[in-house]
Protein backbone atom coordinates (compact mmCIF):
# COMPACT_ATOMS: atom_id res chain seq x y z
CA MET A 1 3.44 78.97 173.35
CA THR A 2 6.19 81.44 174.28
CA ASN A 3 5.19 85.08 174.77
CA GLN A 4 7.50 88.10 174.87
CA VAL A 5 6.58 91.78 175.27
CA ILE A 6 8.68 94.87 174.55
CA GLN A 7 7.89 98.57 174.97
CA LEU A 8 9.02 101.03 172.25
CA ASN A 9 8.52 104.69 171.42
CA ALA A 10 6.37 105.74 168.45
CA LYS A 11 9.31 106.11 166.05
CA LYS A 12 10.70 102.66 166.85
CA LEU A 13 7.21 101.14 166.64
CA SER A 14 6.90 102.51 163.10
CA GLU A 15 10.29 101.01 162.19
CA VAL A 16 9.16 97.59 163.41
CA ALA A 17 5.92 97.82 161.43
CA THR A 18 7.88 98.70 158.27
CA TYR A 19 10.32 95.83 158.81
CA TYR A 20 7.52 93.25 158.95
CA GLU A 21 5.47 94.86 156.14
CA LYS A 22 5.81 91.89 153.78
CA HIS A 23 4.45 89.58 156.50
CA LYS A 24 1.55 91.90 157.36
CA ILE A 25 -1.84 90.44 158.32
CA ILE A 26 -5.12 92.10 159.28
CA ARG A 27 -5.97 92.03 162.98
CA SER A 28 -8.89 94.20 164.10
CA ALA A 29 -8.55 93.90 167.88
CA PRO A 30 -8.81 97.18 169.87
CA GLY A 31 -5.56 99.17 170.05
CA VAL A 32 -3.75 97.18 167.34
CA VAL A 33 -1.74 99.30 164.87
CA PHE A 34 -0.07 96.48 162.96
CA ALA A 35 0.19 92.70 162.94
CA ALA A 36 2.44 90.24 161.16
CA LYS A 37 2.77 86.49 160.88
CA LEU A 38 6.09 84.67 160.39
CA THR A 39 6.37 80.91 160.04
CA ASP A 40 7.04 80.51 163.76
CA THR A 41 5.98 83.83 165.30
CA SER A 42 2.94 86.10 165.50
CA ILE A 43 3.67 89.79 166.07
CA THR A 44 1.16 92.40 167.24
CA GLY A 45 1.92 96.09 167.75
CA TYR A 46 -0.29 98.35 169.89
CA LYS A 47 -0.91 102.10 170.11
CA SER A 48 0.61 102.03 173.60
CA GLY A 49 4.01 101.12 172.10
CA LYS A 50 3.87 97.54 173.31
CA ILE A 51 4.65 94.75 170.88
CA LEU A 52 3.58 91.20 171.67
CA PHE A 53 5.57 88.32 170.14
CA GLN A 54 4.03 84.84 170.31
CA GLY A 55 5.41 81.53 169.17
CA ALA A 56 8.61 79.52 168.98
CA GLY A 57 10.57 82.48 167.59
CA ALA A 58 9.17 85.07 170.01
CA GLU A 59 12.37 85.68 171.95
CA ARG A 60 14.49 85.82 168.78
CA GLU A 61 12.27 88.47 167.18
CA ALA A 62 11.85 90.46 170.41
CA ASN A 63 15.61 90.57 170.94
CA ARG A 64 15.96 91.98 167.43
CA TRP A 65 14.30 95.18 168.62
CA SER A 66 14.89 95.73 172.29
CA SER A 67 17.36 95.08 175.06
CA ASP A 68 14.52 95.83 177.48
CA LEU A 69 12.80 92.52 176.94
CA ILE A 70 10.33 91.78 179.71
CA LYS A 71 11.43 88.31 180.74
CA PRO A 72 8.63 86.03 181.96
CA LYS A 73 9.16 84.93 185.53
CA VAL A 74 9.74 81.24 186.05
CA SER A 75 6.91 80.15 188.28
CA ALA A 76 7.50 77.79 191.15
CA ALA A 77 3.80 76.99 191.09
CA LYS A 78 2.48 73.92 192.88
CA GLY A 79 -0.70 72.08 192.03
CA ASP A 80 -2.16 70.31 189.02
CA THR A 81 -0.05 69.74 185.91
CA LEU A 82 -1.42 72.09 183.28
CA PRO A 83 -1.89 70.91 179.69
CA PRO A 84 0.46 72.13 176.92
CA GLY A 85 -0.43 75.59 175.63
CA PHE A 86 -2.67 76.22 178.63
CA SER A 87 -1.96 79.97 178.72
CA GLN A 88 -3.62 80.36 175.30
CA THR A 89 -6.80 78.38 176.07
CA SER A 90 -10.24 79.71 177.06
CA VAL A 91 -10.36 79.72 180.86
CA ILE A 92 -12.46 80.82 183.82
CA GLY A 93 -10.07 81.98 186.53
CA SER A 94 -10.92 82.70 190.16
CA ASP A 95 -9.07 84.38 193.00
CA GLU A 96 -9.76 86.06 196.33
CA THR A 97 -8.45 88.86 198.51
CA GLY A 98 -9.02 90.38 201.94
CA THR A 99 -8.28 87.17 203.81
CA GLY A 100 -5.32 88.63 205.70
CA ASP A 101 -6.83 92.06 206.37
CA PHE A 102 -8.34 92.85 209.78
CA PHE A 103 -10.49 95.63 208.37
CA GLY A 104 -12.77 95.06 205.42
CA PRO A 105 -14.45 92.15 203.65
CA MET A 106 -13.35 89.00 201.93
CA THR A 107 -13.89 89.23 198.17
CA VAL A 108 -13.82 86.55 195.49
CA ALA A 109 -13.97 87.10 191.74
CA ALA A 110 -14.20 84.75 188.79
CA CYS A 111 -14.07 85.70 185.12
CA PHE A 112 -13.94 84.08 181.70
CA VAL A 113 -11.24 84.96 179.19
CA SER A 114 -11.64 83.30 175.80
CA SER A 115 -8.59 82.47 173.72
CA ASP A 116 -9.34 85.32 171.31
CA GLN A 117 -9.54 87.84 174.20
CA ILE A 118 -6.12 87.05 175.68
CA GLU A 119 -4.19 89.65 173.66
CA LEU A 120 -6.75 92.34 174.49
CA ILE A 121 -6.65 91.56 178.22
CA GLN A 122 -2.85 91.66 178.18
CA GLU A 123 -2.95 94.97 176.32
CA LEU A 124 -5.24 96.41 179.01
CA GLY A 125 -2.35 95.88 181.42
CA VAL A 126 -3.45 92.73 183.19
CA LYS A 127 -0.77 90.88 185.10
CA ASP A 128 -0.40 89.39 188.57
CA SER A 129 -2.12 91.90 190.88
CA LYS A 130 0.84 91.70 193.27
CA MET A 131 2.85 93.44 190.51
CA LEU A 132 0.30 96.27 190.12
CA THR A 133 -0.48 99.29 192.29
CA ASP A 134 -3.97 99.81 193.72
CA PRO A 135 -4.57 102.96 191.59
CA LEU A 136 -3.63 101.08 188.41
CA MET A 137 -5.94 98.20 189.28
CA ARG A 138 -8.78 100.68 189.88
CA LYS A 139 -8.12 102.04 186.38
CA ILE A 140 -8.02 98.61 184.72
CA ALA A 141 -11.07 97.06 186.43
CA PRO A 142 -13.79 99.02 184.57
CA ASP A 143 -12.31 97.97 181.21
CA LEU A 144 -12.30 94.32 182.32
CA LYS A 145 -15.94 94.57 183.34
CA GLU A 146 -16.79 95.94 179.90
CA VAL A 147 -15.33 93.01 177.98
CA LEU A 148 -15.42 89.96 180.29
CA THR A 149 -18.08 87.69 181.74
CA TYR A 150 -17.47 87.87 185.49
CA SER A 151 -18.83 87.46 189.00
CA ILE A 152 -17.67 89.35 192.09
CA LEU A 153 -18.75 88.30 195.58
CA THR A 154 -18.15 90.48 198.64
CA LEU A 155 -18.60 88.88 202.06
CA GLY A 156 -19.12 91.73 204.52
CA ASN A 157 -17.66 91.70 208.00
CA GLU A 158 -20.89 91.04 209.89
CA LYS A 159 -21.71 87.97 207.79
CA TYR A 160 -18.07 86.84 207.92
CA ASN A 161 -18.01 87.07 211.73
CA LYS A 162 -21.31 85.20 211.97
CA VAL A 163 -20.18 82.17 209.94
CA GLN A 164 -16.71 82.22 211.51
CA ALA A 165 -18.33 82.03 214.94
CA LYS A 166 -20.10 78.86 213.76
CA GLY A 167 -16.70 77.29 213.30
CA TRP A 168 -16.22 77.87 209.60
CA SER A 169 -12.55 78.18 208.68
CA GLN A 170 -11.31 80.72 206.17
CA GLY A 171 -10.64 77.78 203.85
CA LYS A 172 -14.29 76.72 203.96
CA ILE A 173 -15.52 80.28 203.45
CA LYS A 174 -13.22 80.77 200.47
CA ALA A 175 -14.19 77.43 198.90
CA LEU A 176 -17.91 78.25 199.14
CA LEU A 177 -17.38 81.69 197.60
CA HIS A 178 -15.21 80.34 194.77
CA ASN A 179 -17.77 77.65 193.93
CA GLN A 180 -20.56 80.23 193.93
CA ALA A 181 -18.64 82.70 191.74
CA LEU A 182 -17.80 79.94 189.24
CA LYS A 183 -21.48 78.92 189.10
CA HIS A 184 -22.45 82.52 188.34
CA VAL A 185 -19.99 82.84 185.46
CA LEU A 186 -20.92 79.47 183.96
CA ASN A 187 -24.60 80.38 184.11
CA LYS A 188 -23.96 83.71 182.37
CA MET A 189 -21.94 81.92 179.65
CA THR A 190 -24.48 79.16 178.90
CA PRO A 191 -24.43 77.39 176.49
CA LYS A 192 -20.76 78.23 175.95
CA LYS A 193 -18.24 76.37 178.13
CA PRO A 194 -14.60 77.13 179.01
CA ASP A 195 -11.79 74.78 178.08
CA TYR A 196 -10.71 74.81 181.73
CA ILE A 197 -11.35 76.43 185.10
CA LEU A 198 -8.28 77.50 187.10
CA ILE A 199 -8.54 78.26 190.81
CA ASP A 200 -5.70 80.03 192.58
CA GLN A 201 -4.99 77.21 195.01
CA PHE A 202 -5.45 77.83 198.73
CA ALA A 203 -6.22 74.20 199.64
CA GLU A 204 -5.56 70.75 198.24
CA ARG A 205 -8.22 69.49 195.82
CA GLY A 206 -9.67 66.98 198.30
CA ILE A 207 -9.88 69.54 201.10
CA TYR A 208 -11.48 72.11 198.79
CA TYR A 209 -14.23 69.71 197.71
CA ASN A 210 -14.75 68.50 201.28
CA HIS A 211 -15.47 72.11 202.28
CA ILE A 212 -18.30 72.36 199.74
CA LYS A 213 -19.62 68.78 199.81
CA MET A 214 -23.03 69.89 201.13
CA GLU A 215 -23.65 72.34 198.28
CA LYS A 216 -26.46 71.50 195.83
CA GLU A 217 -24.29 72.32 192.82
CA ILE A 218 -20.54 71.69 192.88
CA ILE A 219 -18.37 72.79 189.97
CA ARG A 220 -15.97 69.97 189.09
CA GLU A 221 -15.70 69.74 185.28
CA ASN A 222 -12.23 70.62 183.96
CA VAL A 223 -11.31 72.34 187.24
CA LEU A 224 -7.58 72.78 187.88
CA PHE A 225 -5.80 74.08 190.97
CA SER A 226 -2.44 75.80 191.09
CA THR A 227 -0.55 78.23 193.28
CA LYS A 228 0.76 81.36 191.55
CA ALA A 229 -2.14 80.94 189.13
CA GLU A 230 -2.06 84.65 188.21
CA GLN A 231 1.18 83.91 186.36
CA LEU A 232 -0.27 80.92 184.52
CA HIS A 233 -3.32 82.44 182.81
CA VAL A 234 -4.59 86.00 182.39
CA ALA A 235 -8.07 84.88 183.50
CA VAL A 236 -6.83 84.43 187.07
CA ALA A 237 -4.83 87.66 186.90
CA ALA A 238 -7.97 89.49 185.75
CA ALA A 239 -10.05 87.86 188.51
CA SER A 240 -7.44 88.90 191.05
CA ILE A 241 -7.72 92.53 189.91
CA LEU A 242 -11.53 92.48 190.07
CA ALA A 243 -11.47 90.97 193.57
CA ARG A 244 -8.89 93.50 194.76
CA VAL A 245 -10.80 96.51 193.43
CA ALA A 246 -14.03 95.26 195.01
CA PHE A 247 -12.14 95.02 198.31
CA LEU A 248 -10.71 98.53 197.89
CA GLU A 249 -14.13 99.99 197.11
CA GLU A 250 -15.63 98.44 200.23
CA MET A 251 -12.67 99.74 202.26
CA ASP A 252 -13.41 103.22 200.88
CA ARG A 253 -17.02 102.92 202.03
CA LEU A 254 -16.09 101.61 205.49
CA SER A 255 -13.45 104.32 205.94
CA LEU A 256 -16.01 107.00 205.13
CA ASP A 257 -18.43 105.50 207.63
CA ALA A 258 -15.77 105.14 210.33
CA GLY A 259 -14.46 108.67 209.78
CA VAL A 260 -10.88 107.43 209.44
CA THR A 261 -8.83 105.82 206.67
CA LEU A 262 -8.74 102.13 207.49
CA PRO A 263 -5.30 100.58 206.92
CA LYS A 264 -4.86 97.30 205.12
CA GLY A 265 -3.18 94.23 206.54
CA ALA A 266 -2.93 93.23 210.17
CA GLY A 267 0.11 95.10 211.49
CA SER A 268 0.72 97.55 214.33
CA LYS A 269 -0.80 100.48 212.42
CA VAL A 270 -4.01 98.48 212.23
CA ASP A 271 -3.94 98.01 216.01
CA GLU A 272 -3.61 101.76 216.59
CA VAL A 273 -6.50 102.66 214.29
CA ALA A 274 -8.67 99.91 215.78
CA ALA A 275 -7.95 101.28 219.26
CA LYS A 276 -9.05 104.77 218.18
CA ILE A 277 -12.29 103.35 216.81
CA LEU A 278 -12.84 101.37 220.01
CA LEU A 279 -12.51 104.57 222.03
CA SER A 280 -14.74 106.65 219.78
CA LYS A 281 -17.40 104.18 218.61
CA GLY A 282 -17.18 101.13 220.85
CA GLU A 283 -16.61 97.40 220.43
CA ASP A 284 -19.94 96.62 218.77
CA TYR A 285 -19.22 99.05 215.96
CA LEU A 286 -15.65 97.79 215.54
CA SER A 287 -16.94 94.26 214.98
CA THR A 288 -19.04 95.46 212.02
CA ILE A 289 -15.96 96.54 210.06
CA THR A 290 -13.41 93.91 211.10
CA LYS A 291 -12.71 90.18 211.18
CA LYS A 292 -13.00 90.13 214.93
CA HIS A 293 -11.33 86.75 215.53
CA PHE A 294 -8.00 88.25 214.39
CA ALA A 295 -5.46 88.93 217.14
CA ASN A 296 -5.75 92.64 216.33
CA THR A 297 -8.96 92.81 218.37
CA GLY A 298 -7.14 91.85 221.56
CA LYS A 299 -4.20 94.13 220.75
CA ALA A 300 -6.50 97.10 220.19
CA LYS A 301 -8.23 96.44 223.52
CA ALA A 302 -4.84 96.30 225.25
CA ILE A 303 -3.91 99.69 223.78
CA VAL A 304 -7.22 101.16 224.97
CA ASN A 305 -6.78 99.72 228.48
CA LYS A 306 -3.27 101.10 228.68
CA LYS A 307 -4.46 104.58 227.69
CA ARG A 308 -7.29 104.48 230.19
CA ASN A 309 -4.97 103.44 233.01
CA ASN A 310 -2.44 106.19 232.34
């Protein structure tokens, strides 16, 4: 199914509602001000000024009203071939964040979006988290928690460093967390089941399942893997937002404890802040708030040694 979204002011929104009056249908979803059904297109208008067009004639009808059509990005996703109409099915999506950040935890989230919730989740502003700012994601996350079945797992730095020292790769850690989050959501949903499960792919299917082969319960039924999964179903986009906000909240807590705002990523700014913490609180403390196998640990030590020798 083709989706198109336009943004209009209140006056124009009223004009559109009047135009489709003879095709009007009742739709009681939150935020909906009018809805209409053509032979090949469903049209839903929201209080926010957004209008969602769905169906074969979506682009035709959207172009009738706006030159500011939000064109869907063509995804160069790799992974499993998704079934026709996948974006409108009921799906559990899962995603993770924090894997490339020296400071802070690794977080994984999974959530279920039923087919009849898709419009609502889109209206709440859900899209690929890479296209959203951190403040906006913080604003959206509470609404998602209100309406979705979800699980959020936060692997703190001390536990992360412990299992990494055992030889666990990030791929193994992520696979275990994804499998656990999916189990939690499925258990909360019982007896209901999703049409599919979509994991934002970080490893080939065989490698993923090899990582978790010793687990007592392994989620396999209707599981699909794809890169760029946030663009393929709103369930993964929503999971990505929940994981990101959980990461941000833990970074807030760690920053407060450290007495300094901890930067994200693994760049030179991170090295400088880590060096300051090394000087003020020591190496043992630094390891409680970082992924200490990152190269940033050695770089921070080098900065400290240079300062001490000057």
